[in-house]
Amino acid sequence: MDKNVTWDDITSLIVQSDIKEKYKDIDIIACIGTGGMVPGVIISKILDKPIINLGVKSYAINNTQTYNAEWYQKFVFRKSKHHNVLVVDDINDSGYTLITVNSYLMSLFYTETHVKFLTVYMKPHTIFNCDYLQEVENDTWIKFPWEVNK
């Protein structure tokens, strides 16, 4: 099932949430490119915090349930300056991209106390639990307004 979301849908979900209170202690927002960049920018304006991009994607290998993650851009965090991190993505589908980012941050001596994850949408079958703004069914394919048809 396809779900077409608009700019207003995304903005409303973010603005109507409790982001400002819930993430008031965040020092930096890490957007997972490319889907997390637009919501991350909106959230950075609300929180008045800097943003960076983490380039990582996960994909099913040969259309199976086996996933691989591929980094194409990493950021060197300095825990003394980037003490509390909010990682933002558009959707938590399988959870493998978020697991990859979480593993990277934990390898830098962060703990769950210092790293929060927020996605605009979440599917129930994900293997990584995080904060989200709206749940969608597992069989839903979301068409975001920033996606361009080729």
C-alpha atoms as a PDB file:
ATOM      1  CA  MET A   1       0.000   0.000   0.000  1.00  0.00           C
ATOM      2  CA  ASP A   2       1.376   3.436  -0.958  1.00  0.00           C
ATOM      3  CA  LYS A   3       1.135   6.423   1.360  1.00  0.00           C
ATOM      4  CA  ASN A   4       1.825   9.820  -0.160  1.00  0.00           C
ATOM      5  CA  VAL A   5       2.938  12.278   2.494  1.00  0.00           C
ATOM      6  CA  THR A   6       3.174  16.021   1.949  1.00  0.00           C
ATOM      7  CA  TRP A   7       5.491  18.700   3.278  1.00  0.00           C
ATOM      8  CA  ASP A   8       2.641  19.768   5.568  1.00  0.00           C
ATOM      9  CA  ASP A   9       2.274  16.194   6.887  1.00  0.00           C
ATOM     10  CA  ILE A  10       5.948  16.052   7.840  1.00  0.00           C
ATOM     11  CA  THR A  11       6.058  19.553   9.294  1.00  0.00           C
ATOM     12  CA  SER A  12       2.856  19.027  11.288  1.00  0.00           C
ATOM     13  CA  LEU A  13       4.074  15.748  12.793  1.00  0.00           C
ATOM     14  CA  ILE A  14       7.300  17.392  13.906  1.00  0.00           C
ATOM     15  CA  VAL A  15       5.856  20.689  15.139  1.00  0.00           C
ATOM     16  CA  GLN A  16       2.970  19.056  17.019  1.00  0.00           C
ATOM     17  CA  SER A  17       5.254  16.654  18.888  1.00  0.00           C
ATOM     18  CA  ASP A  18       7.059  17.318  22.165  1.00  0.00           C
ATOM     19  CA  ILE A  19      10.478  17.548  20.488  1.00  0.00           C
ATOM     20  CA  LYS A  20      11.453  20.854  22.078  1.00  0.00           C
ATOM     21  CA  GLU A  21      10.961  19.521  25.605  1.00  0.00           C
ATOM     22  CA  LYS A  22      12.005  15.913  25.050  1.00  0.00           C
ATOM     23  CA  TYR A  23      15.319  16.710  23.343  1.00  0.00           C
ATOM     24  CA  LYS A  24      16.258  19.966  25.069  1.00  0.00           C
ATOM     25  CA  ASP A  25      19.638  18.553  26.200  1.00  0.00           C
ATOM     26  CA  ILE A  26      20.788  17.571  22.708  1.00  0.00           C
ATOM     27  CA  ASP A  27      24.102  19.076  21.535  1.00  0.00           C
ATOM     28  CA  ILE A  28      24.080  17.954  17.912  1.00  0.00           C
ATOM     29  CA  ILE A  29      21.664  16.348  15.460  1.00  0.00           C
ATOM     30  CA  ALA A  30      22.986  13.583  13.227  1.00  0.00           C
ATOM     31  CA  CYS A  31      20.812  13.187  10.142  1.00  0.00           C
ATOM     32  CA  ILE A  32      20.937   9.872   8.336  1.00  0.00           C
ATOM     33  CA  GLY A  33      21.279  10.741   4.663  1.00  0.00           C
ATOM     34  CA  THR A  34      19.405  11.120   2.634  1.00  0.00           C
ATOM     35  CA  GLY A  35      15.985  10.570   4.200  1.00  0.00           C
ATOM     36  CA  GLY A  36      16.784  12.021   7.606  1.00  0.00           C
ATOM     37  CA  MET A  37      18.168  15.285   6.269  1.00  0.00           C
ATOM     38  CA  VAL A  38      14.875  17.141   5.730  1.00  0.00           C
ATOM     39  CA  PRO A  39      13.295  16.217   9.075  1.00  0.00           C
ATOM     40  CA  GLY A  40      16.680  16.822  10.718  1.00  0.00           C
ATOM     41  CA  VAL A  41      16.841  20.377   9.374  1.00  0.00           C
ATOM     42  CA  ILE A  42      13.331  21.119  10.638  1.00  0.00           C
ATOM     43  CA  ILE A  43      14.181  19.695  14.068  1.00  0.00           C
ATOM     44  CA  SER A  44      17.481  21.632  14.157  1.00  0.00           C
ATOM     45  CA  LYS A  45      15.551  24.861  13.645  1.00  0.00           C
ATOM     46  CA  ILE A  46      13.155  23.988  16.471  1.00  0.00           C
ATOM     47  CA  LEU A  47      15.970  23.010  18.862  1.00  0.00           C
ATOM     48  CA  ASP A  48      18.436  25.614  17.554  1.00  0.00           C
ATOM     49  CA  LYS A  49      21.158  22.963  17.330  1.00  0.00           C
ATOM     50  CA  PRO A  50      23.778  22.197  14.667  1.00  0.00           C
ATOM     51  CA  ILE A  51      23.338  19.270  12.299  1.00  0.00           C
ATOM     52  CA  ILE A  52      25.656  16.885  10.503  1.00  0.00           C
ATOM     53  CA  ASN A  53      25.045  14.147   7.963  1.00  0.00           C
ATOM     54  CA  LEU A  54      25.776  10.467   8.455  1.00  0.00           C
ATOM     55  CA  GLY A  55      25.837   8.666   5.140  1.00  0.00           C
ATOM     56  CA  VAL A  56      24.792   5.065   5.659  1.00  0.00           C
ATOM     57  CA  LYS A  57      22.263   2.870   3.945  1.00  0.00           C
ATOM     58  CA  SER A  58      21.126  -0.676   4.460  1.00  0.00           C
ATOM     59  CA  TYR A  59      19.658  -2.988   1.906  1.00  0.00           C
ATOM     60  CA  ALA A  60      18.447  -6.542   1.611  1.00  0.00           C
ATOM     61  CA  ILE A  61      20.945  -8.844  -0.074  1.00  0.00           C
ATOM     62  CA  ASN A  62      19.408 -10.516  -3.141  1.00  0.00           C
ATOM     63  CA  ASN A  63      15.882  -9.668  -1.934  1.00  0.00           C
ATOM     64  CA  THR A  64      16.296 -11.779   1.198  1.00  0.00           C
ATOM     65  CA  GLN A  65      15.928 -10.997   4.878  1.00  0.00           C
ATOM     66  CA  THR A  66      19.728 -10.721   5.138  1.00  0.00           C
ATOM     67  CA  TYR A  67      20.821  -7.093   5.319  1.00  0.00           C
ATOM     68  CA  ASN A  68      24.030  -5.262   4.711  1.00  0.00           C
ATOM     69  CA  ALA A  69      24.909  -1.714   5.729  1.00  0.00           C
ATOM     70  CA  GLU A  70      27.144   0.538   3.693  1.00  0.00           C
ATOM     71  CA  TRP A  71      28.776   3.730   4.967  1.00  0.00           C
ATOM     72  CA  TYR A  72      29.498   6.471   2.464  1.00  0.00           C
ATOM     73  CA  GLN A  73      30.112   9.336   4.914  1.00  0.00           C
ATOM     74  CA  LYS A  74      31.055   9.267   8.591  1.00  0.00           C
ATOM     75  CA  PHE A  75      31.421  12.115  11.042  1.00  0.00           C
ATOM     76  CA  VAL A  76      34.120  12.179  13.689  1.00  0.00           C
ATOM     77  CA  PHE A  77      32.300  12.917  16.915  1.00  0.00           C
ATOM     78  CA  ARG A  78      34.117  14.508  19.835  1.00  0.00           C
ATOM     79  CA  LYS A  79      32.340  13.386  22.953  1.00  0.00           C
ATOM     80  CA  SER A  80      33.597  16.421  24.867  1.00  0.00           C
ATOM     81  CA  LYS A  81      31.785  18.701  22.388  1.00  0.00           C
ATOM     82  CA  HIS A  82      29.004  16.411  21.124  1.00  0.00           C
ATOM     83  CA  HIS A  83      27.947  14.967  24.450  1.00  0.00           C
ATOM     84  CA  ASN A  84      24.278  14.288  23.636  1.00  0.00           C
ATOM     85  CA  VAL A  85      23.389  13.212  20.104  1.00  0.00           C
ATOM     86  CA  LEU A  86      19.996  12.976  18.427  1.00  0.00           C
ATOM     87  CA  VAL A  87      20.008  10.719  15.366  1.00  0.00           C
ATOM     88  CA  VAL A  88      17.174  11.495  12.925  1.00  0.00           C
ATOM     89  CA  ASP A  89      15.874   9.473   9.979  1.00  0.00           C
ATOM     90  CA  ASP A  90      12.713   9.510   7.907  1.00  0.00           C
ATOM     91  CA  ILE A  91      11.615   5.936   8.615  1.00  0.00           C
ATOM     92  CA  ASN A  92      12.538   3.041  10.852  1.00  0.00           C
ATOM     93  CA  ASP A  93      11.692   0.193   8.508  1.00  0.00           C
ATOM     94  CA  SER A  94      13.879  -2.854   9.127  1.00  0.00           C
ATOM     95  CA  GLY A  95      16.034  -1.148  11.776  1.00  0.00           C
ATOM     96  CA  TYR A  96      19.347  -2.197  10.215  1.00  0.00           C
ATOM     97  CA  THR A  97      20.482   1.327   9.324  1.00  0.00           C
ATOM     98  CA  LEU A  98      19.786   2.506  12.871  1.00  0.00           C
ATOM     99  CA  ILE A  99      21.580  -0.514  14.344  1.00  0.00           C
ATOM    100  CA  THR A 100      24.619   0.317  12.203  1.00  0.00           C
ATOM    101  CA  VAL A 101      24.657   3.940  13.390  1.00  0.00           C
ATOM    102  CA  ASN A 102      24.092   2.869  16.996  1.00  0.00           C
ATOM    103  CA  SER A 103      27.016   0.419  16.798  1.00  0.00           C
ATOM    104  CA  TYR A 104      29.249   3.154  15.402  1.00  0.00           C
ATOM    105  CA  LEU A 105      28.317   5.592  18.167  1.00  0.00           C
ATOM    106  CA  MET A 106      28.716   2.946  20.884  1.00  0.00           C
ATOM    107  CA  SER A 107      32.193   2.170  19.488  1.00  0.00           C
ATOM    108  CA  LEU A 108      33.034   5.833  20.195  1.00  0.00           C
ATOM    109  CA  PHE A 109      32.277   5.286  23.894  1.00  0.00           C
ATOM    110  CA  TYR A 110      28.791   6.744  23.819  1.00  0.00           C
ATOM    111  CA  THR A 111      26.058   5.099  25.866  1.00  0.00           C
ATOM    112  CA  GLU A 112      22.296   4.866  25.376  1.00  0.00           C
ATOM    113  CA  THR A 113      22.021   7.745  27.853  1.00  0.00           C
ATOM    114  CA  HIS A 114      23.810  10.082  25.453  1.00  0.00           C
ATOM    115  CA  VAL A 115      22.328   8.978  22.122  1.00  0.00           C
ATOM    116  CA  LYS A 116      18.666   9.235  21.154  1.00  0.00           C
ATOM    117  CA  PHE A 117      17.060   8.077  17.915  1.00  0.00           C
ATOM    118  CA  LEU A 118      13.988   9.653  16.340  1.00  0.00           C
ATOM    119  CA  THR A 119      12.268   8.741  13.090  1.00  0.00           C
ATOM    120  CA  VAL A 120       9.247  10.351  11.515  1.00  0.00           C
ATOM    121  CA  TYR A 121       7.665   6.979  10.727  1.00  0.00           C
ATOM    122  CA  MET A 122       8.135   3.506  12.168  1.00  0.00           C
ATOM    123  CA  LYS A 123       7.022   0.061  11.030  1.00  0.00           C
ATOM    124  CA  PRO A 124       6.077  -2.500  13.700  1.00  0.00           C
ATOM    125  CA  HIS A 125       8.398  -5.212  12.336  1.00  0.00           C
ATOM    126  CA  THR A 126      11.573  -3.184  12.959  1.00  0.00           C
ATOM    127  CA  ILE A 127      14.280  -4.817  15.033  1.00  0.00           C
ATOM    128  CA  PHE A 128      15.463  -1.475  16.495  1.00  0.00           C
ATOM    129  CA  ASN A 129      13.174   0.374  18.865  1.00  0.00           C
ATOM    130  CA  CYS A 130      13.402   4.145  18.983  1.00  0.00           C
ATOM    131  CA  ASP A 131      11.250   7.235  19.302  1.00  0.00           C
ATOM    132  CA  TYR A 132       8.980   7.926  16.356  1.00  0.00           C
ATOM    133  CA  LEU A 133       6.238  10.364  15.418  1.00  0.00           C
ATOM    134  CA  GLN A 134       3.830   8.022  13.626  1.00  0.00           C
ATOM    135  CA  GLU A 135       3.506   4.277  13.102  1.00  0.00           C
ATOM    136  CA  VAL A 136       2.618   2.830   9.700  1.00  0.00           C
ATOM    137  CA  GLU A 137       1.755  -0.716   8.668  1.00  0.00           C
ATOM    138  CA  ASN A 138       4.545  -3.054   7.590  1.00  0.00           C
ATOM    139  CA  ASP A 139       3.286  -3.224   3.996  1.00  0.00           C
ATOM    140  CA  THR A 140       3.122   0.576   3.596  1.00  0.00           C
ATOM    141  CA  TRP A 141       5.458   2.205   1.097  1.00  0.00           C
ATOM    142  CA  ILE A 142       5.847   5.870   1.997  1.00  0.00           C
ATOM    143  CA  LYS A 143       6.392   8.377  -0.779  1.00  0.00           C
ATOM    144  CA  PHE A 144       8.101  11.414   0.712  1.00  0.00           C
ATOM    145  CA  PRO A 145       7.688  14.858  -0.881  1.00  0.00           C
ATOM    146  CA  TRP A 146      11.444  15.235  -1.427  1.00  0.00           C
ATOM    147  CA  GLU A 147      11.657  12.071  -3.532  1.00  0.00           C
ATOM    148  CA  VAL A 148      11.876  12.765  -7.235  1.00  0.00           C
ATOM    149  CA  ASN A 149      10.553  10.313  -9.800  1.00  0.00           C
ATOM    150  CA  LYS A 150      13.119   9.511 -12.445  1.00  0.00           C
END
